[in-house]
């Protein structure tokens, strides 16, 4: 069907009312407690189906730097430290290889939703050209292994290993680390990069344990049952199967088209539709790439994307995707205001108008692409674009035109329960052979709970206690009372959620610079001063607060399932002047060589 769009006419007040109505019908008293952890509740579903666990003796040695997490964060920090002359480096990873969320997510169709050129880190350093604008999971996973091999990060890595305790030994000025494999080793420096997408969750549905068919989470895809492979081989095991998928977020958007082609019948159970814009994926032309990939090309692309996203103020748009499109629309609306009318109130209104126009186009796309008029209406997303993770796909909406695919919309109420034979929704039991849970990962819980271990610093103070009233860091990396400890995550830093790897690469640059400086100075410890940390926290709190997570949005993990966050969440934000302001600040801070705010002991 045609994807030609018409210019929408927006009634702002009516749209606000519609958004509020759709939000309210989805509010639940139990909020995030509606979910169960896959690992704690269903151990048989949580096992690693991809790599056998290798027996090994416990490790009891000492390393210069230990990093918790083998995803992009651990890999990029290791690479930057290697470049800085720090070779004695260990990654502890609960998966069977490097990759983090890309190790676990091998469901059919998995691919990045930010352009490969800026999403895949260290492309310039490894000399890798992405095969397509949005690389698929096998290529990303292989790129992780490529980084590990090139920088020698496999040498001391501990896979299928979960940290259970990280504790500062004041007498020896080292971190003592314990794991579930009996390891008890020490490290001068520790990095934390567990990420938000590694604790798989299931919906807490009554009867979920009674289902007699096959069930699995998308991060533990059972190819032995479905047939096929992560590389795209057909899932011929589903040819005679009736399959249910519960969840319609980013994972489902990618997996549904493949299930639609493979299964005899596919039932898509929807509580809230995703906004699904065009992706326009295509192979990358090697001749074009050769003209782009000069010295410093990836850093320039990262900054170009960030500049366009922040209101479209870059001179050009190299990435040209749905993210930058919204930024350029916002810029156009703001520039249309006379200079004397560019008040904060009017700028926010211009932002809202740009968002409304974009979302109306996305809703029209659902109506235009889906042949069944009722399904097309039900697939419309009634919320602002950044209320949930925006999705981009060229086959998801089209999948509902397949004869064996049915949308089971629950009008915001979700699935009622699981029976022995299938799924119950809207008072109807739908018998199925297989249930796929596309229910995502635990995101908004306390850091130490999600990480699975406590961090104990000087004087026995725990990270949980220190952050009881809100996160406290310098630059989102260093924490007072926790010497030689580094965090890799976006909060209290750039907070660039649209492209998290940009945050990771920048933090890795900072960590390598600080560690190199500490080693050159012969310092035993490095820690932020109380004054510097407080000044940074005050700066963070001076801004507008969380850029996502408004309770005006439809419920989801961005806003704690509609319940919002406690007052301490005002510290869970980024630089008040935006991501580029943070990147510019921290770059100047690194280049100065003074490392103002850090005390080298």
Protein backbone atom coordinates (compact mmCIF):
# COMPACT_ATOMS: atom_id res chain seq x y z
CA UNK A 1 0.00 0.00 0.00
CA UNK A 2 1.12 3.59 -0.54
CA UNK A 3 3.11 5.29 2.19
CA UNK A 4 2.30 8.78 0.89
CA UNK A 5 1.43 11.03 3.82
CA UNK A 6 -0.83 14.05 3.95
CA UNK A 7 -0.20 17.12 6.12
CA UNK A 8 -2.21 16.60 9.31
CA UNK A 9 -4.43 19.26 10.84
CA UNK A 10 -3.89 19.36 14.62
CA UNK A 11 -6.42 20.32 17.28
CA UNK A 12 -4.01 20.70 20.20
CA UNK A 13 -6.64 20.70 22.96
CA UNK A 14 -8.51 17.72 21.56
CA UNK A 15 -5.28 15.79 21.20
CA UNK A 16 -4.29 16.53 24.79
CA UNK A 17 -7.65 15.21 25.96
CA UNK A 18 -7.23 12.07 23.86
CA UNK A 19 -3.75 11.48 25.25
CA UNK A 20 -5.02 11.87 28.82
CA UNK A 21 -7.92 9.51 28.19
CA UNK A 22 -5.64 6.82 26.78
CA UNK A 23 -3.18 7.28 29.64
CA UNK A 24 -5.81 7.01 32.34
CA UNK A 25 -7.29 3.73 31.12
CA UNK A 26 -3.82 2.15 31.38
CA UNK A 27 -2.94 3.27 34.90
CA UNK A 28 -2.50 0.41 37.41
CA UNK A 29 -2.14 0.58 41.16
CA UNK A 30 0.69 -1.96 41.18
CA UNK A 31 2.85 0.02 38.75
CA UNK A 32 6.21 -1.64 38.14
CA UNK A 33 5.35 -4.36 40.65
CA UNK A 34 3.20 -5.95 37.95
CA UNK A 35 6.34 -7.61 36.56
CA UNK A 36 8.34 -10.62 37.74
CA UNK A 37 12.02 -11.24 37.25
CA UNK A 38 12.66 -14.04 34.82
CA UNK A 39 15.75 -15.16 36.74
CA UNK A 40 14.13 -15.33 40.17
CA UNK A 41 10.69 -16.62 39.25
CA UNK A 42 11.35 -18.97 36.31
CA UNK A 43 14.89 -20.31 36.54
CA UNK A 44 14.28 -22.85 33.78
CA UNK A 45 13.38 -20.04 31.34
CA UNK A 46 16.37 -17.91 32.39
CA UNK A 47 19.21 -20.31 31.54
CA UNK A 48 21.66 -19.37 28.81
CA UNK A 49 20.50 -21.26 25.68
CA UNK A 50 23.42 -20.05 23.57
CA UNK A 51 26.68 -21.06 25.29
CA UNK A 52 27.39 -23.97 27.66
CA UNK A 53 28.87 -22.99 31.02
CA UNK A 54 32.55 -24.00 31.19
CA UNK A 55 33.90 -25.30 34.47
CA UNK A 56 36.85 -23.37 35.89
CA UNK A 57 38.74 -22.87 39.14
CA UNK A 58 37.98 -19.77 41.26
CA UNK A 59 40.16 -16.74 40.56
CA UNK A 60 42.10 -15.25 43.49
CA UNK A 61 44.57 -12.87 41.82
CA UNK A 62 44.94 -9.08 41.51
CA UNK A 63 44.34 -6.91 38.45
CA UNK A 64 44.84 -3.23 37.86
CA UNK A 65 41.30 -2.65 36.56
CA UNK A 66 38.20 -4.83 36.88
CA UNK A 67 35.06 -3.97 34.97
CA UNK A 68 31.59 -5.36 35.72
CA UNK A 69 29.72 -5.91 32.46
CA UNK A 70 30.87 -7.19 29.11
CA UNK A 71 28.69 -5.08 26.85
CA UNK A 72 29.70 -1.93 24.99
CA UNK A 73 30.76 -0.23 28.23
CA UNK A 74 33.25 -2.87 29.32
CA UNK A 75 34.60 -3.27 25.81
CA UNK A 76 35.12 0.42 25.07
CA UNK A 77 36.63 1.19 28.49
CA UNK A 78 39.00 -1.75 27.99
CA UNK A 79 39.98 -0.49 24.55
CA UNK A 80 40.63 3.04 25.78
CA UNK A 81 42.65 1.78 28.76
CA UNK A 82 44.68 -0.42 26.44
CA UNK A 83 45.45 2.62 24.30
CA UNK A 84 46.47 4.43 27.51
CA UNK A 85 48.91 1.65 28.41
CA UNK A 86 46.78 -0.18 30.99
CA UNK A 87 46.94 -3.85 29.95
CA UNK A 88 46.05 -5.60 33.22
CA UNK A 89 42.29 -5.50 32.69
CA UNK A 90 39.49 -7.93 33.50
CA UNK A 91 35.84 -7.97 32.46
CA UNK A 92 33.30 -9.92 34.53
CA UNK A 93 30.25 -10.84 32.45
CA UNK A 94 27.23 -12.98 33.29
CA UNK A 95 26.76 -14.01 29.66
CA UNK A 96 28.84 -16.56 27.81
CA UNK A 97 30.67 -13.97 25.67
CA UNK A 98 30.95 -10.24 25.14
CA UNK A 99 27.95 -8.25 23.93
CA UNK A 100 25.81 -7.44 26.95
CA UNK A 101 22.23 -7.03 25.76
CA UNK A 102 23.43 -8.05 22.28
CA UNK A 103 24.59 -11.36 23.69
CA UNK A 104 21.12 -12.14 25.02
CA UNK A 105 18.94 -10.59 22.33
CA UNK A 106 19.07 -13.09 19.48
CA UNK A 107 15.39 -13.03 18.64
CA UNK A 108 14.56 -12.97 14.91
CA UNK A 109 14.91 -9.53 13.38
CA UNK A 110 16.90 -7.98 16.24
CA UNK A 111 18.76 -4.89 15.08
CA UNK A 112 19.81 -1.48 16.35
CA UNK A 113 17.22 1.29 16.14
CA UNK A 114 19.82 4.05 15.93
CA UNK A 115 21.94 4.18 12.78
CA UNK A 116 24.90 1.77 12.76
CA UNK A 117 27.39 4.51 11.87
CA UNK A 118 26.84 6.11 15.28
CA UNK A 119 25.54 3.15 17.28
CA UNK A 120 28.35 0.62 16.85
CA UNK A 121 31.35 1.89 18.85
CA UNK A 122 34.97 1.91 17.70
CA UNK A 123 34.18 1.48 14.01
CA UNK A 124 37.06 3.72 13.06
CA UNK A 125 39.48 1.95 15.41
CA UNK A 126 38.54 -1.52 14.17
CA UNK A 127 38.18 -0.55 10.51
CA UNK A 128 34.74 -2.12 10.30
CA UNK A 129 32.13 -0.87 7.85
CA UNK A 130 28.56 -1.69 8.90
CA UNK A 131 26.75 -3.73 6.28
CA UNK A 132 23.54 -1.70 6.48
CA UNK A 133 22.17 1.51 7.95
CA UNK A 134 20.67 -0.46 10.86
CA UNK A 135 22.84 -3.48 11.56
CA UNK A 136 21.27 -6.73 12.71
CA UNK A 137 22.18 -8.40 15.98
CA UNK A 138 24.64 -11.04 14.62
CA UNK A 139 26.78 -8.30 13.09
CA UNK A 140 26.70 -6.24 16.29
CA UNK A 141 27.56 -9.30 18.37
CA UNK A 142 30.48 -10.13 16.07
CA UNK A 143 31.64 -6.52 16.33
CA UNK A 144 31.75 -6.93 20.11
CA UNK A 145 33.94 -10.01 19.67
CA UNK A 146 36.09 -8.07 17.19
CA UNK A 147 36.78 -5.39 19.80
CA UNK A 148 37.54 -8.07 22.39
CA UNK A 149 40.02 -9.80 20.09
CA UNK A 150 41.71 -6.66 18.82
CA UNK A 151 42.32 -5.27 22.30
CA UNK A 152 43.12 -8.56 24.03
CA UNK A 153 40.12 -8.35 26.33
CA UNK A 154 39.44 -12.10 26.29
CA UNK A 155 42.69 -12.87 28.12
CA UNK A 156 41.44 -12.38 31.68
CA UNK A 157 37.68 -12.18 31.12
CA UNK A 158 35.35 -14.18 33.35
CA UNK A 159 32.20 -15.26 31.51
CA UNK A 160 29.07 -16.82 32.98
CA UNK A 161 30.07 -15.05 36.17
CA UNK A 162 27.99 -12.72 38.32
CA UNK A 163 29.50 -10.34 40.84
CA UNK A 164 28.02 -10.74 44.32
CA UNK A 165 30.01 -8.14 46.28
CA UNK A 166 32.32 -5.19 45.64
CA UNK A 167 34.00 -3.84 48.77
CA UNK A 168 36.74 -1.26 49.39
CA UNK A 169 39.67 -2.58 51.43
CA UNK A 170 40.94 0.55 53.18
CA UNK A 171 44.07 -1.07 54.55
CA UNK A 172 45.28 -2.20 51.13
CA UNK A 173 43.61 0.54 49.06
CA UNK A 174 42.09 -1.99 46.65
CA UNK A 175 38.64 -3.24 45.74
CA UNK A 176 37.78 -6.78 46.84
CA UNK A 177 35.45 -8.52 44.42
CA UNK A 178 33.47 -11.72 44.97
CA UNK A 179 31.40 -13.68 42.45
CA UNK A 180 28.97 -16.56 42.27
CA UNK A 181 31.76 -18.77 40.88
CA UNK A 182 33.78 -18.59 44.12
CA UNK A 183 36.13 -15.88 42.83
CA UNK A 184 37.75 -13.59 45.43
CA UNK A 185 40.18 -11.24 43.74
CA UNK A 186 41.26 -7.62 44.08
CA UNK A 187 41.59 -4.67 41.73
CA UNK A 188 43.04 -1.19 42.10
CA UNK A 189 40.26 0.29 39.98
CA UNK A 190 36.70 -0.88 39.36
CA UNK A 191 34.27 0.11 36.62
CA UNK A 192 30.52 -0.50 36.71
CA UNK A 193 28.71 -0.87 33.39
CA UNK A 194 25.88 -3.30 34.00
CA UNK A 195 23.49 -1.29 31.84
CA UNK A 196 19.69 -1.09 32.01
CA UNK A 197 18.87 -3.98 29.64
CA UNK A 198 20.04 -7.20 31.24
CA UNK A 199 17.50 -8.23 33.92
CA UNK A 200 14.75 -9.85 31.86
CA UNK A 201 11.20 -9.46 33.18
CA UNK A 202 7.92 -11.27 32.67
CA UNK A 203 4.40 -9.92 33.16
CA UNK A 204 3.05 -11.01 36.53
CA UNK A 205 0.03 -12.75 35.03
CA UNK A 206 -2.08 -15.20 37.03
CA UNK A 207 -1.56 -18.75 35.82
CA UNK A 208 1.67 -18.01 33.99
CA UNK A 209 3.30 -21.09 35.50
CA UNK A 210 0.43 -23.38 34.46
CA UNK A 211 0.79 -23.09 30.68
CA UNK A 212 1.41 -26.56 29.20
CA UNK A 213 2.79 -25.43 25.85
CA UNK A 214 6.15 -23.85 25.02
CA UNK A 215 7.00 -20.45 26.51
CA UNK A 216 10.13 -18.31 26.52
CA UNK A 217 11.34 -14.71 26.81
CA UNK A 218 12.66 -13.02 23.69
CA UNK A 219 16.12 -12.72 25.30
CA UNK A 220 16.23 -16.53 25.66
CA UNK A 221 14.91 -17.41 22.22
CA UNK A 222 14.46 -21.16 21.80
CA UNK A 223 15.58 -21.90 18.25
CA UNK A 224 15.53 -25.61 19.08
CA UNK A 225 11.74 -25.23 19.22
CA UNK A 226 11.12 -22.59 16.54
CA UNK A 227 13.74 -23.70 14.07
CA UNK A 228 15.85 -21.13 12.31
CA UNK A 229 18.79 -19.19 13.71
CA UNK A 230 19.77 -15.69 14.84
CA UNK A 231 21.32 -15.25 11.40
CA UNK A 232 17.90 -15.43 9.77
CA UNK A 233 17.33 -19.07 8.77
CA UNK A 234 13.57 -19.77 8.44
CA UNK A 235 11.78 -20.82 11.62
CA UNK A 236 10.27 -23.91 10.03
CA UNK A 237 9.42 -25.39 13.42
CA UNK A 238 6.49 -22.97 13.66
CA UNK A 239 4.83 -23.91 10.39
CA UNK A 240 2.06 -25.84 12.17
CA UNK A 241 2.03 -23.76 15.37
CA UNK A 242 -0.31 -21.17 16.78
CA UNK A 243 1.91 -18.58 18.46
CA UNK A 244 1.10 -15.74 20.88
CA UNK A 245 3.42 -12.82 21.48
CA UNK A 246 2.73 -10.66 24.53
CA UNK A 247 4.16 -7.16 24.33
CA UNK A 248 4.28 -4.64 21.51
CA UNK A 249 7.41 -2.64 22.33
CA UNK A 250 10.62 -2.32 20.34
CA UNK A 251 11.44 -6.04 20.55
CA UNK A 252 8.04 -7.13 19.30
CA UNK A 253 8.16 -4.60 16.46
CA UNK A 254 11.27 -6.36 15.18
CA UNK A 255 10.21 -9.96 15.87
CA UNK A 256 6.58 -9.90 14.69
CA UNK A 257 7.31 -9.77 10.93
CA UNK A 258 9.45 -12.91 11.21
CA UNK A 259 6.90 -14.75 13.33
CA UNK A 260 4.18 -13.67 10.90
CA UNK A 261 5.97 -15.38 8.04
CA UNK A 262 6.86 -18.52 10.03
CA UNK A 263 3.84 -19.38 12.17
CA UNK A 264 0.60 -20.99 11.06
CA UNK A 265 -1.13 -18.32 13.11
CA UNK A 266 0.26 -15.39 15.11
CA UNK A 267 -1.74 -13.59 17.80
CA UNK A 268 -0.26 -10.24 18.84
CA UNK A 269 -1.55 -9.21 22.28
CA UNK A 270 -1.41 -5.44 22.65
CA UNK A 271 -1.92 -3.26 25.69
CA UNK A 272 -0.35 -0.09 24.24
CA UNK A 273 0.76 0.31 20.62
CA UNK A 274 4.24 1.53 19.78
CA UNK A 275 4.75 4.51 17.52
CA UNK A 276 6.23 2.94 14.40
CA UNK A 277 7.74 5.32 11.89
CA UNK A 278 9.54 4.42 8.66
CA UNK A 279 13.05 3.00 9.04
CA UNK A 280 14.17 2.98 5.41
CA UNK A 281 16.94 0.49 6.06
CA UNK A 282 19.36 -0.19 3.22
CA UNK A 283 22.84 -1.63 2.62
CA UNK A 284 25.77 0.74 3.04
CA UNK A 285 27.62 1.39 -0.21
CA UNK A 286 31.37 0.68 0.25
CA UNK A 287 32.32 3.38 -2.27
CA UNK A 288 30.28 5.96 -0.36
CA UNK A 289 31.68 4.75 2.97
CA UNK A 290 35.24 5.19 1.66
CA UNK A 291 34.51 8.87 1.02
CA UNK A 292 33.18 9.32 4.56
CA UNK A 293 35.53 7.27 6.71
CA UNK A 294 38.46 9.65 7.05
CA UNK A 295 40.35 10.34 10.28
CA UNK A 296 37.97 11.25 13.10
CA UNK A 297 34.88 10.42 11.07
CA UNK A 298 32.88 8.61 13.73
CA UNK A 299 33.31 11.28 16.39
CA UNK A 300 32.15 13.84 13.82
CA UNK A 301 29.09 11.73 13.04
CA UNK A 302 28.28 11.34 16.74
CA UNK A 303 28.40 15.09 17.21
CA UNK A 304 26.35 15.71 14.06
CA UNK A 305 23.60 13.41 15.28
CA UNK A 306 23.62 14.97 18.72
CA UNK A 307 23.48 18.46 17.27
CA UNK A 308 20.51 17.64 15.05
CA UNK A 309 18.69 15.88 17.85
CA UNK A 310 19.03 18.89 20.13
CA UNK A 311 16.74 21.07 18.09
CA UNK A 312 18.27 20.51 14.67
CA UNK A 313 21.01 23.08 15.07
CA UNK A 314 23.72 21.22 13.14
CA UNK A 315 24.47 22.69 9.70
CA UNK A 316 23.68 19.39 7.99
CA UNK A 317 21.98 16.11 8.86
CA UNK A 318 24.22 13.19 7.95
CA UNK A 319 22.26 10.47 9.76
CA UNK A 320 18.81 11.43 8.42
CA UNK A 321 16.57 9.26 10.57
CA UNK A 322 13.43 9.58 12.67
CA UNK A 323 15.33 11.02 15.62
CA UNK A 324 16.92 13.86 13.68
CA UNK A 325 13.68 14.48 11.80
CA UNK A 326 11.95 15.41 15.05
CA UNK A 327 14.86 17.67 15.99
CA UNK A 328 14.66 19.52 12.69
CA UNK A 329 10.89 19.90 13.02
CA UNK A 330 11.34 21.44 16.47
CA UNK A 331 13.93 23.85 15.09
CA UNK A 332 11.60 24.91 12.30
CA UNK A 333 8.77 25.65 14.75
CA UNK A 334 11.05 27.64 17.06
CA UNK A 335 12.63 29.67 14.25
CA UNK A 336 9.15 30.56 13.04
CA UNK A 337 8.62 32.49 16.27
CA UNK A 338 9.54 36.19 16.20
CA UNK A 339 12.58 36.88 18.37
CA UNK A 340 10.55 38.78 20.96
CA UNK A 341 8.19 35.79 21.32
CA UNK A 342 10.81 33.12 21.98
CA UNK A 343 9.87 32.76 25.61
CA UNK A 344 10.29 29.41 27.42
CA UNK A 345 6.52 28.96 27.29
CA UNK A 346 6.32 29.58 23.55
CA UNK A 347 9.33 27.38 22.84
CA UNK A 348 7.70 24.51 24.74
CA UNK A 349 4.50 25.08 22.77
CA UNK A 350 6.49 25.00 19.51
CA UNK A 351 8.11 21.75 20.65
CA UNK A 352 4.65 20.32 21.36
CA UNK A 353 3.32 21.38 17.96
CA UNK A 354 6.24 19.70 16.20
CA UNK A 355 5.68 16.53 18.23
CA UNK A 356 1.94 16.51 17.53
CA UNK A 357 2.51 16.86 13.80
CA UNK A 358 5.07 14.04 13.78
CA UNK A 359 2.87 11.70 15.80
CA UNK A 360 -0.15 12.41 13.64
CA UNK A 361 1.87 11.40 10.58
CA UNK A 362 2.86 8.18 12.35
CA UNK A 363 -0.77 7.46 13.22
CA UNK A 364 -1.83 8.12 9.62
CA UNK A 365 0.86 5.68 8.51
CA UNK A 366 -0.72 2.91 10.61
CA UNK A 367 -4.11 3.63 9.09
CA UNK A 368 -2.65 3.78 5.59
CA UNK A 369 -0.46 0.67 5.70
CA UNK A 370 -2.73 -1.80 7.54
CA UNK A 371 -5.47 -3.20 5.30
CA UNK A 372 -7.92 -3.99 8.13
CA UNK A 373 -9.42 -0.61 9.14
CA UNK A 374 -10.10 -1.73 12.72
CA UNK A 375 -6.55 -3.01 13.24
CA UNK A 376 -5.15 0.15 11.67
CA UNK A 377 -7.03 2.25 14.22
CA UNK A 378 -5.95 0.05 17.13
CA UNK A 379 -2.30 0.34 16.08
CA UNK A 380 -2.32 4.13 16.46
CA UNK A 381 -0.18 5.47 19.31
CA UNK A 382 -1.93 8.15 21.35
CA UNK A 383 0.91 9.83 23.23
CA UNK A 384 3.81 12.15 22.53
CA UNK A 385 6.67 10.55 20.67
CA UNK A 386 9.19 10.52 23.51
CA UNK A 387 6.72 9.15 26.06
CA UNK A 388 7.90 5.72 24.94
CA UNK A 389 10.92 4.52 23.01
CA UNK A 390 10.20 5.55 19.40
CA UNK A 391 10.23 2.64 16.96
CA UNK A 392 11.16 2.54 13.29
CA UNK A 393 10.41 -0.40 11.05
CA UNK A 394 9.57 -1.16 7.43
CA UNK A 395 7.75 -4.48 7.99
CA UNK A 396 5.93 -4.40 11.35
CA UNK A 397 2.70 -2.71 10.30
CA UNK A 398 2.75 -4.65 7.04
CA UNK A 399 2.84 -7.92 9.02
CA UNK A 400 -0.77 -7.35 10.06
CA UNK A 401 -1.74 -7.79 6.42
CA UNK A 402 -0.54 -11.41 6.53
CA UNK A 403 -3.52 -13.83 6.54
CA UNK A 404 -2.43 -15.67 9.70
CA UNK A 405 -1.80 -12.58 11.86
CA UNK A 406 -4.39 -11.21 14.30
CA UNK A 407 -4.10 -8.19 16.54
CA UNK A 408 -5.71 -8.84 19.93
CA UNK A 409 -6.06 -5.34 21.30
CA UNK A 410 -6.97 -5.11 24.99
CA UNK A 411 -7.90 -1.41 25.06
CA UNK A 412 -5.12 -0.66 27.51
CA UNK A 413 -5.97 -3.38 30.00
CA UNK A 414 -3.45 -6.01 28.98
CA UNK A 415 -3.72 -9.78 29.11
CA UNK A 416 -5.92 -11.04 31.98
CA UNK A 417 -4.26 -14.36 32.71
CA UNK A 418 -2.53 -17.39 31.27
CA UNK A 419 -4.37 -20.71 31.19
CA UNK A 420 -3.09 -24.24 30.71
CA UNK A 421 -3.99 -23.95 27.03
CA UNK A 422 -3.27 -20.36 26.13
CA UNK A 423 -3.88 -16.67 26.76
CA UNK A 424 -7.00 -15.02 28.18
CA UNK A 425 -7.76 -11.45 27.13
CA UNK A 426 -10.98 -9.45 26.87
CA UNK A 427 -12.74 -12.38 28.55
CA UNK A 428 -11.78 -14.76 25.72
CA UNK A 429 -9.39 -17.70 25.92
CA UNK A 430 -7.10 -18.03 22.92
CA UNK A 431 -5.54 -21.53 22.73
CA UNK A 432 -1.95 -21.46 21.52
CA UNK A 433 1.01 -23.81 21.22
CA UNK A 434 3.67 -21.27 22.12
CA UNK A 435 3.85 -18.00 24.09
CA UNK A 436 6.64 -15.53 23.39
CA UNK A 437 7.09 -12.93 26.13
CA UNK A 438 8.35 -9.69 24.59
CA UNK A 439 8.15 -7.99 27.97
CA UNK A 440 11.57 -6.39 28.03
CA UNK A 441 13.94 -5.70 30.87
CA UNK A 442 13.87 -4.16 34.33
CA UNK A 443 14.81 -0.50 33.94
CA UNK A 444 13.57 1.74 36.74
CA UNK A 445 14.58 -0.26 39.82
CA UNK A 446 17.32 0.75 42.26
CA UNK A 447 20.79 0.44 40.76
CA UNK A 448 22.19 -2.10 43.23
CA UNK A 449 19.04 -4.22 43.02
CA UNK A 450 19.27 -4.33 39.25
CA UNK A 451 23.02 -4.91 39.28
CA UNK A 452 22.63 -7.82 41.71
CA UNK A 453 25.30 -6.73 44.19
CA UNK A 454 26.08 -4.03 46.72
CA UNK A 455 29.06 -1.68 46.52
CA UNK A 456 30.64 -0.78 49.87
CA UNK A 457 33.03 2.16 49.99
CA UNK A 458 35.10 3.93 52.63
CA UNK A 459 33.96 3.62 56.21
CA UNK A 460 31.51 0.87 55.28
CA UNK A 461 29.12 3.20 53.47
CA UNK A 462 27.08 1.41 50.80
CA UNK A 463 26.08 2.85 47.46
CA UNK A 464 22.43 2.16 48.34
CA UNK A 465 22.71 4.27 51.48
CA UNK A 466 24.68 7.03 49.82
CA UNK A 467 22.10 7.36 47.08
CA UNK A 468 19.08 6.93 49.33
CA UNK A 469 18.00 10.54 48.72
CA UNK A 470 19.08 10.61 45.12
CA UNK A 471 22.01 9.91 42.85
CA UNK A 472 25.23 11.81 43.62
CA UNK A 473 28.22 11.85 41.27
CA UNK A 474 30.78 14.08 39.65
CA UNK A 475 30.16 14.06 35.89
CA UNK A 476 28.05 10.92 36.21
CA UNK A 477 31.27 8.91 36.63
CA UNK A 478 32.95 9.47 40.03
CA UNK A 479 31.36 9.03 43.46
CA UNK A 480 32.54 10.52 46.76
CA UNK A 481 33.53 7.87 49.35
CA UNK A 482 34.10 5.33 46.55
CA UNK A 483 37.71 5.88 45.46
CA UNK A 484 38.97 4.41 42.21
CA UNK A 485 35.39 3.57 41.22
CA UNK A 486 33.97 4.61 37.84
CA UNK A 487 30.43 4.36 36.51
CA UNK A 488 29.52 4.15 32.84
CA UNK A 489 25.94 5.29 32.23
CA UNK A 490 24.22 8.43 30.86
CA UNK A 491 22.64 9.92 34.01
CA UNK A 492 24.09 13.12 35.52
CA UNK A 493 26.11 13.38 32.33
CA UNK A 494 24.95 13.83 28.72
CA UNK A 495 21.84 11.71 29.34
CA UNK A 496 21.67 11.09 25.59
CA UNK A 497 19.10 8.29 25.57
CA UNK A 498 18.64 8.31 21.79
CA UNK A 499 22.18 7.01 21.31
CA UNK A 500 23.58 5.50 24.50
CA UNK A 501 26.90 4.39 22.92
CA UNK A 502 27.87 8.06 22.53
CA UNK A 503 27.66 8.38 26.31
CA UNK A 504 29.71 5.21 26.74
CA UNK A 505 32.53 6.23 24.41
CA UNK A 506 32.79 9.63 26.06
CA UNK A 507 32.89 8.14 29.57
CA UNK A 508 35.56 5.69 28.43
CA UNK A 509 37.68 8.62 27.23
CA UNK A 510 37.35 10.22 30.66
CA UNK A 511 38.13 7.05 32.60
CA UNK A 512 41.24 6.32 30.55
CA UNK A 513 42.48 9.88 31.00
CA UNK A 514 41.92 9.82 34.77
CA UNK A 515 43.51 6.40 35.30
CA UNK A 516 46.52 7.37 33.17
CA UNK A 517 46.92 10.55 35.21
CA UNK A 518 46.64 8.66 38.50
CA UNK A 519 49.25 6.14 37.40
CA UNK A 520 51.60 8.86 36.16
CA UNK A 521 51.29 10.69 39.48
CA UNK A 522 51.88 7.52 41.45
CA UNK A 523 48.54 8.04 43.19
CA UNK A 524 47.02 5.26 45.24
CA UNK A 525 43.49 6.67 44.97
CA UNK A 526 41.42 9.13 42.99
CA UNK A 527 38.10 10.41 44.29
CA UNK A 528 35.91 13.49 43.81
CA UNK A 529 36.03 16.16 46.48
CA UNK A 530 32.88 16.80 48.48
CA UNK A 531 32.70 20.35 47.09
CA UNK A 532 33.03 19.26 43.45
CA UNK A 533 30.42 16.53 43.77
CA UNK A 534 27.96 18.86 45.49
CA UNK A 535 28.47 21.55 42.87
CA UNK A 536 27.80 19.03 40.10
CA UNK A 537 24.67 17.69 41.79
CA UNK A 538 23.44 21.27 42.26
CA UNK A 539 24.03 21.92 38.56
CA UNK A 540 22.04 18.84 37.59
CA UNK A 541 19.18 19.81 39.93
CA UNK A 542 19.08 23.34 38.50
CA UNK A 543 17.71 22.06 35.19
CA UNK A 544 14.24 20.98 34.18
CA UNK A 545 14.79 17.49 35.63
CA UNK A 546 14.10 14.23 33.88
CA UNK A 547 13.68 14.80 30.15
CA UNK A 548 11.53 11.69 29.93
CA UNK A 549 9.19 10.10 32.41
CA UNK A 550 6.33 12.60 32.73
CA UNK A 551 3.22 11.21 34.39
CA UNK A 552 1.28 12.93 31.60
CA UNK A 553 2.60 10.14 29.36
CA UNK A 554 0.95 6.78 28.91
CA UNK A 555 2.37 4.24 31.41
CA UNK A 556 5.66 2.56 30.61
CA UNK A 557 9.17 2.14 31.96
CA UNK A 558 10.00 5.78 31.13
CA UNK A 559 7.61 6.99 33.85
CA UNK A 560 7.56 4.07 36.30
CA UNK A 561 4.37 2.68 34.73
CA UNK A 562 2.59 6.01 35.11
CA UNK A 563 3.37 6.45 38.80
CA UNK A 564 6.25 8.82 38.27
CA UNK A 565 9.33 8.93 40.43
CA UNK A 566 10.09 10.25 43.89
CA UNK A 567 11.48 13.73 44.44
CA UNK A 568 14.99 12.28 44.24
CA UNK A 569 14.42 11.72 40.53
CA UNK A 570 15.28 15.37 39.91
CA UNK A 571 18.87 14.16 40.22
CA UNK A 572 18.29 11.44 37.58
CA UNK A 573 18.79 13.92 34.77
CA UNK A 574 21.47 15.23 32.49
CA UNK A 575 23.34 18.48 31.99
CA UNK A 576 20.75 21.30 32.13
CA UNK A 577 22.06 22.77 28.86
CA UNK A 578 21.78 19.46 27.02
CA UNK A 579 23.96 16.62 25.81
CA UNK A 580 26.30 18.68 23.63
CA UNK A 581 26.94 21.06 26.51
CA UNK A 582 28.06 18.12 28.63
CA UNK A 583 30.28 16.69 25.91
CA UNK A 584 31.93 20.08 25.39
CA UNK A 585 32.41 20.59 29.14
CA UNK A 586 33.94 17.19 29.80
CA UNK A 587 36.19 17.39 26.73
CA UNK A 588 37.65 20.68 27.98
CA UNK A 589 37.94 19.20 31.48
CA UNK A 590 39.93 16.24 30.17
CA UNK A 591 42.14 18.32 27.91
CA UNK A 592 43.11 20.70 30.71
CA UNK A 593 44.96 17.88 32.49
CA UNK A 594 44.08 19.42 35.86
CA UNK A 595 41.09 17.12 36.49
CA UNK A 596 39.49 19.77 38.62
CA UNK A 597 37.31 18.33 41.36
CA UNK A 598 39.26 15.10 41.73
CA UNK A 599 41.62 14.43 44.62
CA UNK A 600 44.57 12.16 43.88
CA UNK A 601 45.63 10.44 47.13
